[in-house]
Amino acid sequence: MAIEMTSAVDEFWQARSRGEYFPAAYEGRLSLDEAYRIQLALIDRRVAAGESHIGWKVGLTAKAIQEQFGFHEPVFGCILQSFPSGHELPPNLIKPGFETELCMRFARPLQGEVTPQQVLDALECIHPSFEIIETRGDLTGHIALALADNAQQHSVILGSPMPPDPSIRLDQVVARVMLNGKEIVAGTGDAVLGNPINSVVWLARKLTEFGRSIRKGDVVMTGSFVRQFPLAPSDHAEADFSGIGRVEVDVAR
């Protein structure tokens, strides 16, 4: 049975204010469509309260991430804050972690059915980046609640922007990830739906279902090259993307 959307949004908003991000009353009740609509309505409320919606994330794009969380299709969320490479995160985030991604900023809007070439033509720059996530509930057991709660999103760490370079094959970019000075994993861009550009194609089409689009100036996190890793106080993470640049982040003690 479909939920009453206005009441659901109110109840999620009230639950969030008391630190309940996966309201127990809605366990097993939401379709994915309803979850996305709640997510977007909550983002609209947060923007009305003073936050800024600066772009979008595409998640669960790599096989390693899909296997990690047991869900085998991409998802989207909203980005509300970004920080420069080298930023120090506070130690009190809720079970934080990071994903190693390319982030794209767009000089022109994209909407509906678009081609990879149209995505490239609209591209302003590419950032080496980390997505910072918070595990505010059980994503594996309650994917709809996780989507309503904005798909684990906390923030984005952006390395220096690189203008589009047609000579760089994004599917062949190698990301080497270090945690506390030790390389823990490496991955390539083809792990992200075959090419990070394909994430943007998927997102532009998916957002149309909800009356939204990629706007001029938006940043889009295209999806992790490798699995998600946790962050703890005093951790230092860095990643080097071949031909693109590097990004790093610290967690305070």
C-alpha atoms as a PDB file:
ATOM      1  CA  MET A   1       0.000   0.000   0.000  1.00  0.00           C
ATOM      2  CA  ALA A   2       1.336   3.431  -0.967  1.00  0.00           C
ATOM      3  CA  ILE A   3       2.197   5.735   1.889  1.00  0.00           C
ATOM      4  CA  GLU A   4       0.780   9.230   2.393  1.00  0.00           C
ATOM      5  CA  MET A   5       3.749  11.280   1.250  1.00  0.00           C
ATOM      6  CA  THR A   6       3.177  14.539   3.131  1.00  0.00           C
ATOM      7  CA  SER A   7       2.815  12.737   6.450  1.00  0.00           C
ATOM      8  CA  ALA A   8       5.822  10.541   5.721  1.00  0.00           C
ATOM      9  CA  VAL A   9       8.047  13.519   4.963  1.00  0.00           C
ATOM     10  CA  ASP A  10       6.916  15.220   8.186  1.00  0.00           C
ATOM     11  CA  GLU A  11       7.635  12.073  10.184  1.00  0.00           C
ATOM     12  CA  PHE A  12      11.089  11.589   8.622  1.00  0.00           C
ATOM     13  CA  TRP A  13      11.893  15.263   9.288  1.00  0.00           C
ATOM     14  CA  GLN A  14      10.859  14.978  12.925  1.00  0.00           C
ATOM     15  CA  ALA A  15      12.766  11.712  13.345  1.00  0.00           C
ATOM     16  CA  ARG A  16      15.888  13.289  11.880  1.00  0.00           C
ATOM     17  CA  SER A  17      15.687  16.152  14.371  1.00  0.00           C
ATOM     18  CA  ARG A  18      15.938  13.643  17.231  1.00  0.00           C
ATOM     19  CA  GLY A  19      18.742  11.647  15.612  1.00  0.00           C
ATOM     20  CA  GLU A  20      16.654   8.802  14.168  1.00  0.00           C
ATOM     21  CA  TYR A  21      17.698   8.562  10.532  1.00  0.00           C
ATOM     22  CA  PHE A  22      16.056   5.213   9.689  1.00  0.00           C
ATOM     23  CA  PRO A  23      12.596   5.569  11.313  1.00  0.00           C
ATOM     24  CA  ALA A  24      11.558   2.145  12.605  1.00  0.00           C
ATOM     25  CA  ALA A  25       7.922   2.856  11.764  1.00  0.00           C
ATOM     26  CA  TYR A  26       8.827   2.764   8.055  1.00  0.00           C
ATOM     27  CA  GLU A  27      10.881  -0.416   7.974  1.00  0.00           C
ATOM     28  CA  GLY A  28       9.734  -2.554   5.056  1.00  0.00           C
ATOM     29  CA  ARG A  29       7.067  -0.046   3.992  1.00  0.00           C
ATOM     30  CA  LEU A  30       8.766   2.100   1.338  1.00  0.00           C
ATOM     31  CA  SER A  31       9.159   1.481  -2.367  1.00  0.00           C
ATOM     32  CA  LEU A  32      12.352   2.825  -3.918  1.00  0.00           C
ATOM     33  CA  ASP A  33      10.311   5.499  -5.709  1.00  0.00           C
ATOM     34  CA  GLU A  34       8.801   6.643  -2.408  1.00  0.00           C
ATOM     35  CA  ALA A  35      12.244   6.635  -0.783  1.00  0.00           C
ATOM     36  CA  TYR A  36      13.655   8.924  -3.456  1.00  0.00           C
ATOM     37  CA  ARG A  37      10.688  11.286  -3.157  1.00  0.00           C
ATOM     38  CA  ILE A  38      11.175  11.501   0.611  1.00  0.00           C
ATOM     39  CA  GLN A  39      14.905  12.118   0.100  1.00  0.00           C
ATOM     40  CA  LEU A  40      14.256  15.019  -2.290  1.00  0.00           C
ATOM     41  CA  ALA A  41      11.560  16.537  -0.081  1.00  0.00           C
ATOM     42  CA  LEU A  42      13.890  16.440   2.929  1.00  0.00           C
ATOM     43  CA  ILE A  43      16.665  18.043   0.873  1.00  0.00           C
ATOM     44  CA  ASP A  44      14.267  20.811  -0.145  1.00  0.00           C
ATOM     45  CA  ARG A  45      13.523  21.425   3.542  1.00  0.00           C
ATOM     46  CA  ARG A  46      17.212  21.496   4.410  1.00  0.00           C
ATOM     47  CA  VAL A  47      17.854  24.006   1.628  1.00  0.00           C
ATOM     48  CA  ALA A  48      14.958  26.150   2.856  1.00  0.00           C
ATOM     49  CA  ALA A  49      16.607  26.049   6.298  1.00  0.00           C
ATOM     50  CA  GLY A  50      19.870  27.430   4.887  1.00  0.00           C
ATOM     51  CA  GLU A  51      21.881  24.560   3.422  1.00  0.00           C
ATOM     52  CA  SER A  52      22.975  24.465  -0.237  1.00  0.00           C
ATOM     53  CA  HIS A  53      22.227  21.714  -2.718  1.00  0.00           C
ATOM     54  CA  ILE A  54      25.433  21.736  -4.784  1.00  0.00           C
ATOM     55  CA  GLY A  55      25.095  18.538  -6.772  1.00  0.00           C
ATOM     56  CA  TRP A  56      24.486  14.804  -6.872  1.00  0.00           C
ATOM     57  CA  LYS A  57      26.095  11.497  -6.013  1.00  0.00           C
ATOM     58  CA  VAL A  58      25.720   8.256  -7.905  1.00  0.00           C
ATOM     59  CA  GLY A  59      26.320   5.276  -5.683  1.00  0.00           C
ATOM     60  CA  LEU A  60      26.537   1.497  -5.914  1.00  0.00           C
ATOM     61  CA  THR A  61      28.101   1.664  -9.369  1.00  0.00           C
ATOM     62  CA  ALA A  62      31.074  -0.663  -8.920  1.00  0.00           C
ATOM     63  CA  LYS A  63      30.710  -4.435  -8.598  1.00  0.00           C
ATOM     64  CA  ALA A  64      32.841  -4.335  -5.423  1.00  0.00           C
ATOM     65  CA  ILE A  65      30.433  -1.858  -3.792  1.00  0.00           C
ATOM     66  CA  GLN A  66      27.342  -3.726  -4.975  1.00  0.00           C
ATOM     67  CA  GLU A  67      28.696  -6.957  -3.525  1.00  0.00           C
ATOM     68  CA  GLN A  68      29.652  -5.161  -0.303  1.00  0.00           C
ATOM     69  CA  PHE A  69      26.063  -4.004   0.246  1.00  0.00           C
ATOM     70  CA  GLY A  70      24.059  -6.632  -1.627  1.00  0.00           C
ATOM     71  CA  PHE A  71      22.254  -4.238  -3.981  1.00  0.00           C
ATOM     72  CA  HIS A  72      22.851  -4.438  -7.708  1.00  0.00           C
ATOM     73  CA  GLU A  73      21.733  -1.211  -9.330  1.00  0.00           C
ATOM     74  CA  PRO A  74      22.936   2.400  -9.081  1.00  0.00           C
ATOM     75  CA  VAL A  75      21.334   4.881  -6.675  1.00  0.00           C
ATOM     76  CA  PHE A  76      21.457   8.641  -6.315  1.00  0.00           C
ATOM     77  CA  GLY A  77      21.708  11.112  -3.463  1.00  0.00           C
ATOM     78  CA  CYS A  78      22.199  14.843  -3.007  1.00  0.00           C
ATOM     79  CA  ILE A  79      25.426  16.683  -2.126  1.00  0.00           C
ATOM     80  CA  LEU A  80      25.086  19.581   0.302  1.00  0.00           C
ATOM     81  CA  GLN A  81      28.678  20.357   1.261  1.00  0.00           C
ATOM     82  CA  SER A  82      32.197  20.042  -0.108  1.00  0.00           C
ATOM     83  CA  PHE A  83      35.661  20.646   1.331  1.00  0.00           C
ATOM     84  CA  PRO A  84      39.090  21.065  -0.291  1.00  0.00           C
ATOM     85  CA  SER A  85      41.700  18.335  -0.321  1.00  0.00           C
ATOM     86  CA  GLY A  86      43.536  18.206   3.003  1.00  0.00           C
ATOM     87  CA  HIS A  87      40.425  19.030   5.030  1.00  0.00           C
ATOM     88  CA  GLU A  88      40.271  17.667   8.581  1.00  0.00           C
ATOM     89  CA  LEU A  89      36.979  16.008   9.448  1.00  0.00           C
ATOM     90  CA  PRO A  90      35.661  16.151  13.016  1.00  0.00           C
ATOM     91  CA  PRO A  91      35.975  12.929  15.038  1.00  0.00           C
ATOM     92  CA  ASN A  92      32.258  12.736  15.868  1.00  0.00           C
ATOM     93  CA  LEU A  93      30.784  11.677  12.524  1.00  0.00           C
ATOM     94  CA  ILE A  94      28.435   8.687  12.589  1.00  0.00           C
ATOM     95  CA  LYS A  95      30.498   5.622  11.590  1.00  0.00           C
ATOM     96  CA  PRO A  96      32.238   7.514   8.767  1.00  0.00           C
ATOM     97  CA  GLY A  97      33.898   6.079   5.709  1.00  0.00           C
ATOM     98  CA  PHE A  98      35.196   7.105   2.312  1.00  0.00           C
ATOM     99  CA  GLU A  99      34.826   6.177  -1.333  1.00  0.00           C
ATOM    100  CA  THR A 100      37.362   6.983  -4.048  1.00  0.00           C
ATOM    101  CA  GLU A 101      35.721   8.750  -6.981  1.00  0.00           C
ATOM    102  CA  LEU A 102      36.005  11.212  -9.829  1.00  0.00           C
ATOM    103  CA  CYS A 103      33.770  14.232  -9.324  1.00  0.00           C
ATOM    104  CA  MET A 104      32.581  16.156 -12.386  1.00  0.00           C
ATOM    105  CA  ARG A 105      31.457  19.775 -12.500  1.00  0.00           C
ATOM    106  CA  PHE A 106      29.170  20.880 -15.321  1.00  0.00           C
ATOM    107  CA  ALA A 107      29.154  24.137 -17.253  1.00  0.00           C
ATOM    108  CA  ARG A 108      25.801  23.368 -18.858  1.00  0.00           C
ATOM    109  CA  PRO A 109      22.656  21.595 -17.649  1.00  0.00           C
ATOM    110  CA  LEU A 110      21.855  18.005 -18.582  1.00  0.00           C
ATOM    111  CA  GLN A 111      18.400  16.509 -18.548  1.00  0.00           C
ATOM    112  CA  GLY A 112      16.703  13.325 -19.700  1.00  0.00           C
ATOM    113  CA  GLU A 113      18.219  11.048 -22.305  1.00  0.00           C
ATOM    114  CA  VAL A 114      21.767  12.234 -22.961  1.00  0.00           C
ATOM    115  CA  THR A 115      24.705  10.617 -24.721  1.00  0.00           C
ATOM    116  CA  PRO A 116      28.224  10.194 -23.351  1.00  0.00           C
ATOM    117  CA  GLN A 117      29.389  12.811 -25.858  1.00  0.00           C
ATOM    118  CA  GLN A 118      26.790  15.298 -24.586  1.00  0.00           C
ATOM    119  CA  VAL A 119      28.082  14.706 -21.057  1.00  0.00           C
ATOM    120  CA  LEU A 120      31.645  15.383 -22.190  1.00  0.00           C
ATOM    121  CA  ASP A 121      30.557  18.518 -24.075  1.00  0.00           C
ATOM    122  CA  ALA A 122      28.856  19.890 -20.934  1.00  0.00           C
ATOM    123  CA  LEU A 123      31.806  19.112 -18.662  1.00  0.00           C
ATOM    124  CA  GLU A 124      33.628  22.020 -17.021  1.00  0.00           C
ATOM    125  CA  CYS A 125      36.249  20.109 -15.020  1.00  0.00           C
ATOM    126  CA  ILE A 126      37.064  16.903 -13.178  1.00  0.00           C
ATOM    127  CA  HIS A 127      38.186  16.658  -9.546  1.00  0.00           C
ATOM    128  CA  PRO A 128      39.983  13.760  -7.901  1.00  0.00           C
ATOM    129  CA  SER A 129      37.809  13.230  -4.845  1.00  0.00           C
ATOM    130  CA  PHE A 130      36.619  11.290  -1.859  1.00  0.00           C
ATOM    131  CA  GLU A 131      33.003  10.925  -0.894  1.00  0.00           C
ATOM    132  CA  ILE A 132      32.663  11.003   2.885  1.00  0.00           C
ATOM    133  CA  ILE A 133      29.818   8.807   4.059  1.00  0.00           C
ATOM    134  CA  GLU A 134      28.108   8.219   7.370  1.00  0.00           C
ATOM    135  CA  THR A 135      26.581   4.847   8.274  1.00  0.00           C
ATOM    136  CA  ARG A 136      23.445   6.167   9.955  1.00  0.00           C
ATOM    137  CA  GLY A 137      21.606   2.860   9.674  1.00  0.00           C
ATOM    138  CA  ASP A 138      21.679  -0.590   8.052  1.00  0.00           C
ATOM    139  CA  LEU A 139      21.988   0.080   4.314  1.00  0.00           C
ATOM    140  CA  THR A 140      22.169  -3.619   3.483  1.00  0.00           C
ATOM    141  CA  GLY A 141      19.008  -4.478   5.386  1.00  0.00           C
ATOM    142  CA  HIS A 142      17.036  -1.308   4.649  1.00  0.00           C
ATOM    143  CA  ILE A 143      18.061   0.129   1.282  1.00  0.00           C
ATOM    144  CA  ALA A 144      14.852   2.200   0.932  1.00  0.00           C
ATOM    145  CA  LEU A 145      15.391   3.864   4.307  1.00  0.00           C
ATOM    146  CA  ALA A 146      19.016   4.518   3.333  1.00  0.00           C
ATOM    147  CA  LEU A 147      17.873   6.253   0.145  1.00  0.00           C
ATOM    148  CA  ALA A 148      15.329   8.337   2.034  1.00  0.00           C
ATOM    149  CA  ASP A 149      18.209   9.328   4.339  1.00  0.00           C
ATOM    150  CA  ASN A 150      20.223  10.543   1.325  1.00  0.00           C
ATOM    151  CA  ALA A 151      22.238   7.422   0.560  1.00  0.00           C
ATOM    152  CA  GLN A 152      24.852   7.738   3.343  1.00  0.00           C
ATOM    153  CA  GLN A 153      26.017  11.154   2.054  1.00  0.00           C
ATOM    154  CA  HIS A 154      27.922  13.473   4.373  1.00  0.00           C
ATOM    155  CA  SER A 155      30.223  15.534   2.155  1.00  0.00           C
ATOM    156  CA  VAL A 156      32.697  15.532  -0.717  1.00  0.00           C
ATOM    157  CA  ILE A 157      36.449  16.204  -0.561  1.00  0.00           C
ATOM    158  CA  LEU A 158      37.635  17.827  -3.805  1.00  0.00           C
ATOM    159  CA  GLY A 159      41.166  17.826  -5.180  1.00  0.00           C
ATOM    160  CA  SER A 160      42.355  20.418  -7.677  1.00  0.00           C
ATOM    161  CA  PRO A 161      40.163  20.648 -10.799  1.00  0.00           C
ATOM    162  CA  MET A 162      41.444  19.456 -14.146  1.00  0.00           C
ATOM    163  CA  PRO A 163      39.964  20.801 -17.408  1.00  0.00           C
ATOM    164  CA  PRO A 164      38.526  18.154 -19.746  1.00  0.00           C
ATOM    165  CA  ASP A 165      41.290  16.374 -21.650  1.00  0.00           C
ATOM    166  CA  PRO A 166      40.139  14.211 -24.583  1.00  0.00           C
ATOM    167  CA  SER A 167      43.424  12.290 -24.455  1.00  0.00           C
ATOM    168  CA  ILE A 168      42.563  10.818 -21.035  1.00  0.00           C
ATOM    169  CA  ARG A 169      40.404   7.687 -21.120  1.00  0.00           C
ATOM    170  CA  LEU A 170      38.417   7.903 -17.899  1.00  0.00           C
ATOM    171  CA  ASP A 171      37.724   4.166 -17.969  1.00  0.00           C
ATOM    172  CA  GLN A 172      41.493   3.562 -17.847  1.00  0.00           C
ATOM    173  CA  VAL A 173      42.333   5.965 -15.024  1.00  0.00           C
ATOM    174  CA  VAL A 174      43.964   4.099 -12.124  1.00  0.00           C
ATOM    175  CA  ALA A 175      43.231   5.183  -8.549  1.00  0.00           C
ATOM    176  CA  ARG A 176      45.710   4.067  -5.894  1.00  0.00           C
ATOM    177  CA  VAL A 177      44.355   4.437  -2.368  1.00  0.00           C
ATOM    178  CA  MET A 178      46.491   4.906   0.750  1.00  0.00           C
ATOM    179  CA  LEU A 179      45.347   4.753   4.358  1.00  0.00           C
ATOM    180  CA  ASN A 180      47.792   5.911   7.034  1.00  0.00           C
ATOM    181  CA  GLY A 181      50.687   5.660   4.603  1.00  0.00           C
ATOM    182  CA  LYS A 182      49.942   2.141   3.347  1.00  0.00           C
ATOM    183  CA  GLU A 183      48.455   1.329  -0.056  1.00  0.00           C
ATOM    184  CA  ILE A 184      45.285  -0.625   0.602  1.00  0.00           C
ATOM    185  CA  VAL A 185      43.747  -0.996  -2.854  1.00  0.00           C
ATOM    186  CA  ALA A 186      43.863   0.148  -6.468  1.00  0.00           C
ATOM    187  CA  GLY A 187      41.054   0.325  -8.996  1.00  0.00           C
ATOM    188  CA  THR A 188      40.296   1.584 -12.483  1.00  0.00           C
ATOM    189  CA  GLY A 189      37.585   3.799 -13.925  1.00  0.00           C
ATOM    190  CA  ASP A 190      35.953   0.958 -15.843  1.00  0.00           C
ATOM    191  CA  ALA A 191      34.678  -0.340 -12.474  1.00  0.00           C
ATOM    192  CA  VAL A 192      32.178   2.562 -12.548  1.00  0.00           C
ATOM    193  CA  LEU A 193      29.490   1.286 -14.931  1.00  0.00           C
ATOM    194  CA  GLY A 194      32.209   0.720 -17.529  1.00  0.00           C
ATOM    195  CA  ASN A 195      33.140   4.429 -17.516  1.00  0.00           C
ATOM    196  CA  PRO A 196      32.404   7.250 -15.027  1.00  0.00           C
ATOM    197  CA  ILE A 197      30.690   9.128 -17.866  1.00  0.00           C
ATOM    198  CA  ASN A 198      28.023   6.402 -17.875  1.00  0.00           C
ATOM    199  CA  SER A 199      27.084   7.344 -14.295  1.00  0.00           C
ATOM    200  CA  VAL A 200      26.145  10.824 -15.476  1.00  0.00           C
ATOM    201  CA  VAL A 201      24.129   9.388 -18.365  1.00  0.00           C
ATOM    202  CA  TRP A 202      22.246   7.197 -15.863  1.00  0.00           C
ATOM    203  CA  LEU A 203      21.724  10.078 -13.432  1.00  0.00           C
ATOM    204  CA  ALA A 204      20.365  12.521 -16.015  1.00  0.00           C
ATOM    205  CA  ARG A 205      17.791   9.945 -17.109  1.00  0.00           C
ATOM    206  CA  LYS A 206      16.882   8.870 -13.564  1.00  0.00           C
ATOM    207  CA  LEU A 207      16.386  12.399 -12.245  1.00  0.00           C
ATOM    208  CA  THR A 208      13.797  13.043 -14.944  1.00  0.00           C
ATOM    209  CA  GLU A 209      11.501  10.567 -13.173  1.00  0.00           C
ATOM    210  CA  PHE A 210      11.403  13.020 -10.249  1.00  0.00           C
ATOM    211  CA  GLY A 211      11.243  16.293 -12.161  1.00  0.00           C
ATOM    212  CA  ARG A 212      14.900  17.095 -11.475  1.00  0.00           C
ATOM    213  CA  SER A 213      18.004  17.574 -13.596  1.00  0.00           C
ATOM    214  CA  ILE A 214      21.728  18.214 -13.467  1.00  0.00           C
ATOM    215  CA  ARG A 215      22.004  22.002 -13.290  1.00  0.00           C
ATOM    216  CA  LYS A 216      24.708  24.345 -14.529  1.00  0.00           C
ATOM    217  CA  GLY A 217      27.403  24.415 -11.838  1.00  0.00           C
ATOM    218  CA  ASP A 218      26.384  21.107 -10.235  1.00  0.00           C
ATOM    219  CA  VAL A 219      29.035  18.629  -9.174  1.00  0.00           C
ATOM    220  CA  VAL A 220      28.377  14.931  -9.691  1.00  0.00           C
ATOM    221  CA  MET A 221      30.133  12.186  -7.759  1.00  0.00           C
ATOM    222  CA  THR A 222      30.273   9.435 -10.343  1.00  0.00           C
ATOM    223  CA  GLY A 223      30.865   6.364  -8.167  1.00  0.00           C
ATOM    224  CA  SER A 224      33.686   4.595  -6.365  1.00  0.00           C
ATOM    225  CA  PHE A 225      36.490   2.809  -8.188  1.00  0.00           C
ATOM    226  CA  VAL A 226      36.837   0.415  -5.233  1.00  0.00           C
ATOM    227  CA  ARG A 227      34.963  -0.732  -2.145  1.00  0.00           C
ATOM    228  CA  GLN A 228      34.028   1.591   0.705  1.00  0.00           C
ATOM    229  CA  PHE A 229      36.454   1.856   3.641  1.00  0.00           C
ATOM    230  CA  PRO A 230      35.800   3.055   7.220  1.00  0.00           C
ATOM    231  CA  LEU A 231      37.514   6.080   8.767  1.00  0.00           C
ATOM    232  CA  ALA A 232      38.594   6.383  12.398  1.00  0.00           C
ATOM    233  CA  PRO A 233      39.944   9.290  14.465  1.00  0.00           C
ATOM    234  CA  SER A 234      43.529  10.224  13.441  1.00  0.00           C
ATOM    235  CA  ASP A 235      43.225   8.456  10.064  1.00  0.00           C
ATOM    236  CA  HIS A 236      44.815   9.969   6.969  1.00  0.00           C
ATOM    237  CA  ALA A 237      43.511   8.825   3.568  1.00  0.00           C
ATOM    238  CA  GLU A 238      44.845   9.786   0.170  1.00  0.00           C
ATOM    239  CA  ALA A 239      44.346   8.672  -3.405  1.00  0.00           C
ATOM    240  CA  ASP A 240      46.240   9.311  -6.600  1.00  0.00           C
ATOM    241  CA  PHE A 241      44.348   9.190  -9.914  1.00  0.00           C
ATOM    242  CA  SER A 242      46.618   8.647 -12.918  1.00  0.00           C
ATOM    243  CA  GLY A 243      46.555  11.663 -15.220  1.00  0.00           C
ATOM    244  CA  ILE A 244      44.027  13.482 -13.006  1.00  0.00           C
ATOM    245  CA  GLY A 245      45.606  14.342  -9.638  1.00  0.00           C
ATOM    246  CA  ARG A 246      45.381  13.462  -5.974  1.00  0.00           C
ATOM    247  CA  VAL A 247      43.147  14.035  -2.977  1.00  0.00           C
ATOM    248  CA  GLU A 248      43.601  13.591   0.754  1.00  0.00           C
ATOM    249  CA  VAL A 249      41.614  13.897   3.959  1.00  0.00           C
ATOM    250  CA  ASP A 250      42.309  13.643   7.688  1.00  0.00           C
ATOM    251  CA  VAL A 251      40.142  12.792  10.664  1.00  0.00           C
ATOM    252  CA  ALA A 252      40.790  14.697  13.889  1.00  0.00           C
ATOM    253  CA  ARG A 253      41.777  12.807  17.033  1.00  0.00           C
END
